[in-house]
Amino acid sequence: MTTKRKLTYAALSVLGIAAVAAAITAWSWWRILYSTPFQLNSTTYIYIRPQDTEQDIVRQLQDSAHMRSTAGWDVARRFSEFTPHTGCYAIEPADRLIDVYRRLKSGQQQAVKLVVPSVRTLDRMAATISRYVMLDSATIASALADTGFVMNMGYNMATLPALFIPNTYEVYWDISLNGLMRRLERENSAFWKRDRREQIADSMDMSYNEIYTLASIIDEETANNAEKPRIAGVYLNRLRMGIPLQADPTVKFAVGDFTMRRILNQHLQVRSPYNTYQRLGLPPGPIRVASIAGIDAVLHAEKHDYLYFCAKEDFSGTHNFATTLAEHNQNARRYQRALNQRGIR
């Protein structure tokens, strides 16, 4: 065999070995990329913040999704450079490494369920919302305390609680502050545009804010949803007749203490637009974030002749109702005796 032929065979051998090696490498990479490297029994989630680096994300995959090896991640980066995108991402037990890499790289995040609760204060609202989204509670609370920001949404500091319609909404975890507020406004509009608007137009001479404000008082009066329409009927009767609401929760709000069990004469004297013992009509805004049950109780108030109600002496959380002041005073004395017997001041 000539030297030229030997060189040719040698070159072919090298090329053949290289091709085999390349094929083995390609097959190994394919196996890694399309493997399922996560040790999961159920869906888990990772959260990417603006300051997170690629190393932070890999660490989350190892810690939260129990990714056994970073080899697949390293291979994927050979073919496509990774750029982090903020958001919440779901990792399923059957997910392949390539699926997760592409999802994170392209920002295909998972929507989260945002729970908007019925709470007494907007600070508590901010703290609750921050548990579901990337925004921190201080950022949300600061915005809700900013008069200019609130006025731009069409509210003032007294009416702002009426923005919130307690429910569960799907949003993206990295929603912006403005995006969050726009979503709350859309949900508010949708809530009032349904059959509730027809109900208001047909039988009530009240604005949305007035309905919401009354609902917030009713929610403070009772947690018993079945009783709320009857209480709503009492307050609507008093409003129509020009009688002060004399709602104890508004006094507690004015004093700044919702834990009071007894409303004393000194409390009734507090000077405040929220003290409905001193002022006719509704207070200037809600005393808490009202529940949907409270709002619907106003819209579907029970029609009756009751003008008074008082907590039952059995502390069941329900009330005795009365049409006359004399009957109401009897109910009130029974409740006061029960408080005395229990040593409640």
Protein backbone atom coordinates (compact mmCIF):
# COMPACT_ATOMS: atom_id res chain seq x y z
CA MET A 1 0.00 0.00 0.00
CA THR A 2 1.35 3.37 -0.97
CA THR A 3 1.97 6.13 1.52
CA LYS A 4 -0.78 8.20 -0.09
CA ARG A 5 -3.33 5.44 0.45
CA LYS A 6 -2.21 4.96 4.04
CA LEU A 7 -2.75 8.65 4.70
CA THR A 8 -6.17 8.50 3.12
CA TYR A 9 -7.22 5.51 5.25
CA ALA A 10 -5.85 7.21 8.35
CA ALA A 11 -7.78 10.38 7.60
CA LEU A 12 -10.97 8.41 7.04
CA SER A 13 -10.43 6.55 10.28
CA VAL A 14 -10.00 9.81 12.18
CA LEU A 15 -13.11 11.24 10.56
CA GLY A 16 -15.04 8.08 11.36
CA ILE A 17 -13.94 8.18 14.98
CA ALA A 18 -14.82 11.87 15.16
CA ALA A 19 -18.24 11.22 13.66
CA VAL A 20 -18.89 8.42 16.13
CA ALA A 21 -17.73 10.63 18.99
CA ALA A 22 -19.95 13.46 17.76
CA ALA A 23 -22.90 11.11 17.48
CA ILE A 24 -22.30 9.82 21.01
CA THR A 25 -21.99 13.37 22.31
CA ALA A 26 -25.16 14.46 20.50
CA TRP A 27 -27.02 11.44 21.82
CA SER A 28 -25.80 12.14 25.36
CA TRP A 29 -26.86 15.78 25.11
CA TRP A 30 -30.25 14.79 23.72
CA ARG A 31 -30.74 12.29 26.55
CA ILE A 32 -29.85 14.94 29.15
CA LEU A 33 -32.02 17.67 27.62
CA TYR A 34 -35.04 15.40 27.25
CA SER A 35 -34.65 13.68 30.59
CA THR A 36 -36.78 14.38 33.67
CA PRO A 37 -34.22 15.52 36.21
CA PHE A 38 -36.71 16.67 38.87
CA GLN A 39 -37.62 14.61 41.89
CA LEU A 40 -41.20 15.77 42.45
CA ASN A 41 -44.45 14.14 43.51
CA SER A 42 -46.54 17.21 42.73
CA THR A 43 -46.31 20.60 41.04
CA THR A 44 -43.90 23.04 42.63
CA TYR A 45 -43.19 26.68 41.87
CA ILE A 46 -40.14 28.87 41.61
CA TYR A 47 -40.19 32.65 41.78
CA ILE A 48 -37.80 34.84 39.81
CA ARG A 49 -37.25 38.40 41.06
CA PRO A 50 -35.59 41.25 39.12
CA GLN A 51 -32.33 40.87 41.03
CA ASP A 52 -32.07 37.10 40.57
CA THR A 53 -29.12 35.81 38.56
CA GLU A 54 -28.95 32.65 36.53
CA GLN A 55 -27.11 31.02 39.42
CA ASP A 56 -29.95 31.97 41.77
CA ILE A 57 -32.45 30.33 39.43
CA VAL A 58 -30.43 27.13 39.14
CA ARG A 59 -30.16 27.06 42.92
CA GLN A 60 -33.95 27.34 43.18
CA LEU A 61 -34.33 24.45 40.76
CA GLN A 62 -32.03 22.40 42.95
CA ASP A 63 -33.64 23.41 46.24
CA SER A 64 -37.32 23.62 45.31
CA ALA A 65 -37.63 21.29 42.33
CA HIS A 66 -34.90 18.90 43.53
CA MET A 67 -33.03 18.99 40.24
CA ARG A 68 -30.45 16.21 40.53
CA SER A 69 -27.80 17.67 38.23
CA THR A 70 -26.97 20.93 36.48
CA ALA A 71 -25.52 19.10 33.47
CA GLY A 72 -28.68 19.52 31.43
CA TRP A 73 -28.82 23.23 32.16
CA ASP A 74 -25.22 23.60 31.01
CA VAL A 75 -25.99 21.74 27.79
CA ALA A 76 -29.06 23.87 27.09
CA ARG A 77 -27.00 27.04 27.44
CA ARG A 78 -24.68 25.81 24.68
CA PHE A 79 -27.52 26.13 22.21
CA SER A 80 -29.42 29.12 23.59
CA GLU A 81 -28.27 31.92 25.88
CA PHE A 82 -30.41 32.31 28.99
CA THR A 83 -31.96 35.62 30.04
CA PRO A 84 -33.96 35.68 33.32
CA HIS A 85 -37.60 36.82 33.27
CA THR A 86 -39.40 37.70 36.48
CA GLY A 87 -42.45 35.66 37.41
CA CYS A 88 -43.85 32.51 38.97
CA TYR A 89 -43.09 29.30 37.09
CA ALA A 90 -44.66 25.89 37.56
CA ILE A 91 -42.47 22.77 37.53
CA GLU A 92 -44.40 19.55 36.95
CA PRO A 93 -43.16 16.09 37.98
CA ALA A 94 -43.13 14.97 34.32
CA ASP A 95 -41.39 18.07 32.98
CA ARG A 96 -38.25 17.54 30.89
CA LEU A 97 -35.25 19.77 31.40
CA ILE A 98 -35.61 21.29 27.94
CA ASP A 99 -39.25 22.18 28.65
CA VAL A 100 -38.38 23.99 31.87
CA TYR A 101 -35.40 25.77 30.29
CA ARG A 102 -37.51 27.07 27.41
CA ARG A 103 -40.32 28.10 29.76
CA LEU A 104 -37.99 30.10 31.97
CA LYS A 105 -36.08 31.56 29.05
CA SER A 106 -39.20 32.80 27.26
CA GLY A 107 -41.01 34.02 30.39
CA GLN A 108 -43.97 31.63 30.14
CA GLN A 109 -45.00 32.17 33.73
CA GLN A 110 -47.86 30.65 35.66
CA ALA A 111 -50.80 32.81 36.78
CA VAL A 112 -51.33 32.89 40.55
CA LYS A 113 -54.54 33.21 42.52
CA LEU A 114 -54.76 36.60 44.22
CA VAL A 115 -57.07 36.59 47.23
CA VAL A 116 -58.60 39.99 47.96
CA PRO A 117 -60.09 39.68 51.47
CA SER A 118 -62.70 41.56 53.44
CA VAL A 119 -60.54 43.25 56.09
CA ARG A 120 -60.81 46.22 58.42
CA THR A 121 -57.78 48.23 57.36
CA LEU A 122 -55.98 48.96 54.12
CA ASP A 123 -52.67 48.16 55.83
CA ARG A 124 -54.00 44.65 56.37
CA MET A 125 -55.15 44.58 52.75
CA ALA A 126 -51.63 45.53 51.59
CA ALA A 127 -50.07 42.85 53.79
CA THR A 128 -52.45 40.19 52.48
CA ILE A 129 -52.06 41.05 48.79
CA SER A 130 -48.27 41.05 49.13
CA ARG A 131 -48.39 37.36 50.06
CA TYR A 132 -49.60 36.54 46.56
CA VAL A 133 -47.57 38.89 44.33
CA MET A 134 -44.02 40.18 43.98
CA LEU A 135 -44.95 43.63 45.31
CA ASP A 136 -44.07 44.13 48.95
CA SER A 137 -46.63 45.32 51.50
CA ALA A 138 -44.84 48.65 52.09
CA THR A 139 -45.09 49.57 48.39
CA ILE A 140 -48.80 48.76 48.26
CA ALA A 141 -49.56 50.47 51.58
CA SER A 142 -47.65 53.59 50.54
CA ALA A 143 -49.67 53.88 47.34
CA LEU A 144 -52.96 53.43 49.21
CA ALA A 145 -51.93 56.23 51.58
CA ASP A 146 -50.94 58.60 48.75
CA THR A 147 -53.74 61.13 48.25
CA GLY A 148 -52.68 61.96 44.67
CA PHE A 149 -52.42 58.31 43.67
CA VAL A 150 -55.84 57.57 45.16
CA MET A 151 -57.49 60.59 43.51
CA ASN A 152 -56.15 59.51 40.12
CA MET A 153 -58.17 56.32 40.54
CA GLY A 154 -61.33 58.33 41.20
CA TYR A 155 -61.49 57.84 44.97
CA ASN A 156 -60.59 59.80 48.08
CA MET A 157 -59.14 58.55 51.35
CA ALA A 158 -62.61 57.99 52.81
CA THR A 159 -64.07 56.09 49.85
CA LEU A 160 -60.98 54.10 48.83
CA PRO A 161 -62.03 50.85 50.58
CA ALA A 162 -64.92 50.68 48.09
CA LEU A 163 -62.37 49.93 45.35
CA PHE A 164 -61.87 46.42 46.70
CA ILE A 165 -64.32 43.66 45.82
CA PRO A 166 -63.32 40.62 47.90
CA ASN A 167 -62.81 37.66 45.62
CA THR A 168 -60.10 35.45 44.13
CA TYR A 169 -58.52 36.67 40.89
CA GLU A 170 -55.89 35.23 38.57
CA VAL A 171 -52.94 37.55 37.99
CA TYR A 172 -49.27 37.22 37.17
CA TRP A 173 -47.03 37.17 40.22
CA ASP A 174 -44.83 39.99 38.87
CA ILE A 175 -47.76 42.33 38.23
CA SER A 176 -46.80 45.99 38.63
CA LEU A 177 -48.42 48.34 41.14
CA ASN A 178 -50.26 50.20 38.36
CA GLY A 179 -51.24 46.91 36.79
CA LEU A 180 -52.62 45.69 40.11
CA MET A 181 -54.69 48.83 40.59
CA ARG A 182 -56.03 48.70 37.04
CA ARG A 183 -57.04 45.08 37.59
CA LEU A 184 -58.86 45.96 40.82
CA GLU A 185 -60.67 48.78 39.00
CA ARG A 186 -61.74 46.41 36.19
CA GLU A 187 -63.03 43.87 38.69
CA ASN A 188 -64.92 46.60 40.53
CA SER A 189 -66.55 47.78 37.29
CA ALA A 190 -67.45 44.22 36.31
CA PHE A 191 -68.97 43.60 39.74
CA TRP A 192 -71.31 46.59 39.55
CA LYS A 193 -72.21 46.11 35.88
CA ARG A 194 -73.96 42.81 36.38
CA ASP A 195 -77.48 42.38 37.74
CA ARG A 196 -76.54 44.56 40.71
CA ARG A 197 -76.79 47.69 38.56
CA GLU A 198 -80.35 46.75 37.56
CA GLN A 199 -81.19 46.11 41.20
CA ILE A 200 -79.96 49.59 42.16
CA ALA A 201 -81.77 51.29 39.27
CA ASP A 202 -85.05 49.49 39.99
CA SER A 203 -85.43 50.00 43.72
CA MET A 204 -82.72 52.12 45.33
CA ASP A 205 -81.70 55.75 45.39
CA MET A 206 -78.15 55.11 46.54
CA SER A 207 -74.73 55.39 44.92
CA TYR A 208 -72.31 52.48 44.74
CA ASN A 209 -70.25 54.08 47.51
CA GLU A 210 -73.30 54.48 49.76
CA ILE A 211 -74.30 50.86 49.23
CA TYR A 212 -70.76 49.74 49.93
CA THR A 213 -70.54 51.95 53.04
CA LEU A 214 -73.73 50.51 54.48
CA ALA A 215 -72.50 46.99 53.64
CA SER A 216 -69.31 47.65 55.59
CA ILE A 217 -71.36 48.57 58.67
CA ILE A 218 -73.48 45.45 58.32
CA ASP A 219 -70.37 43.28 58.05
CA GLU A 220 -69.19 44.71 61.38
CA GLU A 221 -72.58 44.08 62.96
CA THR A 222 -72.65 40.36 62.19
CA ALA A 223 -70.71 37.53 60.59
CA ASN A 224 -73.99 35.67 60.05
CA ASN A 225 -74.68 36.10 56.33
CA ALA A 226 -78.26 34.86 56.71
CA GLU A 227 -79.04 37.73 59.09
CA LYS A 228 -77.42 40.49 57.04
CA PRO A 229 -80.45 41.26 54.79
CA ARG A 230 -82.61 41.80 57.91
CA ILE A 231 -80.07 44.19 59.43
CA ALA A 232 -79.82 45.96 56.08
CA GLY A 233 -83.59 46.40 56.19
CA VAL A 234 -83.35 48.05 59.63
CA TYR A 235 -80.79 50.58 58.46
CA LEU A 236 -82.65 51.34 55.24
CA ASN A 237 -85.83 51.94 57.24
CA ARG A 238 -83.98 54.40 59.46
CA LEU A 239 -82.43 56.18 56.48
CA ARG A 240 -85.83 56.57 54.80
CA MET A 241 -87.39 57.91 58.00
CA GLY A 242 -84.54 60.32 58.74
CA ILE A 243 -83.57 58.54 61.97
CA PRO A 244 -79.87 58.41 62.88
CA LEU A 245 -78.39 55.00 62.15
CA GLN A 246 -76.91 54.78 65.66
CA ALA A 247 -74.61 52.00 64.43
CA ASP A 248 -72.18 50.90 67.14
CA PRO A 249 -69.49 49.84 64.61
CA THR A 250 -69.24 53.42 63.34
CA VAL A 251 -68.55 54.59 66.90
CA LYS A 252 -65.86 51.95 67.29
CA PHE A 253 -64.35 53.17 64.01
CA ALA A 254 -64.48 56.78 65.19
CA VAL A 255 -62.83 55.86 68.50
CA GLY A 256 -60.33 53.62 66.70
CA ASP A 257 -61.03 50.47 68.69
CA PHE A 258 -63.01 47.61 67.13
CA THR A 259 -62.36 45.39 70.18
CA MET A 260 -64.82 47.28 72.43
CA ARG A 261 -67.63 45.09 73.75
CA ARG A 262 -69.53 47.91 75.43
CA ILE A 263 -70.34 51.28 73.88
CA LEU A 264 -70.44 53.80 76.73
CA ASN A 265 -71.89 57.32 76.79
CA GLN A 266 -68.39 58.78 76.57
CA HIS A 267 -67.87 56.95 73.29
CA LEU A 268 -71.10 58.34 71.89
CA GLN A 269 -69.81 61.87 72.42
CA VAL A 270 -66.75 61.50 70.20
CA ARG A 271 -66.75 64.15 67.49
CA SER A 272 -66.36 62.42 64.13
CA PRO A 273 -68.17 62.32 60.77
CA TYR A 274 -68.29 58.56 61.37
CA ASN A 275 -70.27 58.81 64.61
CA THR A 276 -73.77 57.93 63.42
CA TYR A 277 -75.22 58.65 66.86
CA GLN A 278 -74.45 62.33 66.30
CA ARG A 279 -74.81 62.64 62.53
CA LEU A 280 -77.70 61.77 60.26
CA GLY A 281 -77.21 59.51 57.28
CA LEU A 282 -74.26 57.42 56.28
CA PRO A 283 -70.64 58.17 57.20
CA PRO A 284 -68.40 59.60 54.44
CA GLY A 285 -67.05 56.20 53.46
CA PRO A 286 -66.80 52.52 54.36
CA ILE A 287 -65.49 51.55 57.79
CA ARG A 288 -63.86 48.43 56.32
CA VAL A 289 -63.57 46.50 53.07
CA ALA A 290 -67.07 45.11 52.66
CA SER A 291 -67.87 41.54 51.75
CA ILE A 292 -69.93 40.55 48.72
CA ALA A 293 -72.47 39.06 51.14
CA GLY A 294 -72.73 42.45 52.85
CA ILE A 295 -73.18 44.30 49.55
CA ASP A 296 -75.81 41.86 48.33
CA ALA A 297 -77.57 42.12 51.69
CA VAL A 298 -78.10 45.84 51.01
CA LEU A 299 -79.27 45.20 47.45
CA HIS A 300 -81.64 42.46 48.61
CA ALA A 301 -82.57 43.87 52.00
CA GLU A 302 -85.43 42.27 53.86
CA LYS A 303 -88.61 44.35 53.85
CA HIS A 304 -90.03 44.71 57.37
CA ASP A 305 -90.94 47.31 60.01
CA TYR A 306 -88.00 46.80 62.37
CA LEU A 307 -86.15 49.93 63.46
CA TYR A 308 -83.89 48.44 66.14
CA PHE A 309 -81.78 45.39 66.80
CA CYS A 310 -79.55 44.27 69.65
CA ALA A 311 -77.15 41.37 70.13
CA LYS A 312 -78.78 38.35 71.72
CA GLU A 313 -77.96 37.66 75.32
CA ASP A 314 -76.85 34.10 74.46
CA PHE A 315 -73.82 35.50 72.59
CA SER A 316 -74.73 33.43 69.54
CA GLY A 317 -73.69 36.26 67.24
CA THR A 318 -77.30 36.83 66.14
CA HIS A 319 -79.71 39.60 67.14
CA ASN A 320 -83.11 40.41 68.59
CA PHE A 321 -85.11 42.80 66.42
CA ALA A 322 -87.72 45.32 67.52
CA THR A 323 -90.20 47.74 65.99
CA THR A 324 -90.51 50.01 69.04
CA LEU A 325 -87.97 51.66 71.30
CA ALA A 326 -89.59 50.13 74.42
CA GLU A 327 -89.18 46.62 73.02
CA HIS A 328 -85.62 47.41 71.99
CA ASN A 329 -84.77 48.69 75.48
CA GLN A 330 -85.97 45.41 76.95
CA ASN A 331 -83.70 43.49 74.56
CA ALA A 332 -80.80 45.81 75.36
CA ARG A 333 -81.25 45.32 79.14
CA ARG A 334 -81.13 41.55 78.74
CA TYR A 335 -77.90 41.86 76.78
CA GLN A 336 -76.39 44.25 79.34
CA ARG A 337 -77.23 41.82 82.16
CA ALA A 338 -75.51 39.02 80.22
CA LEU A 339 -72.42 41.20 79.82
CA ASN A 340 -72.42 41.96 83.55
CA GLN A 341 -72.75 38.28 84.44
CA ARG A 342 -69.71 37.49 82.32
CA GLY A 343 -67.74 40.40 83.69
CA ILE A 344 -67.39 42.01 80.28
CA ARG A 345 -66.68 45.72 80.53
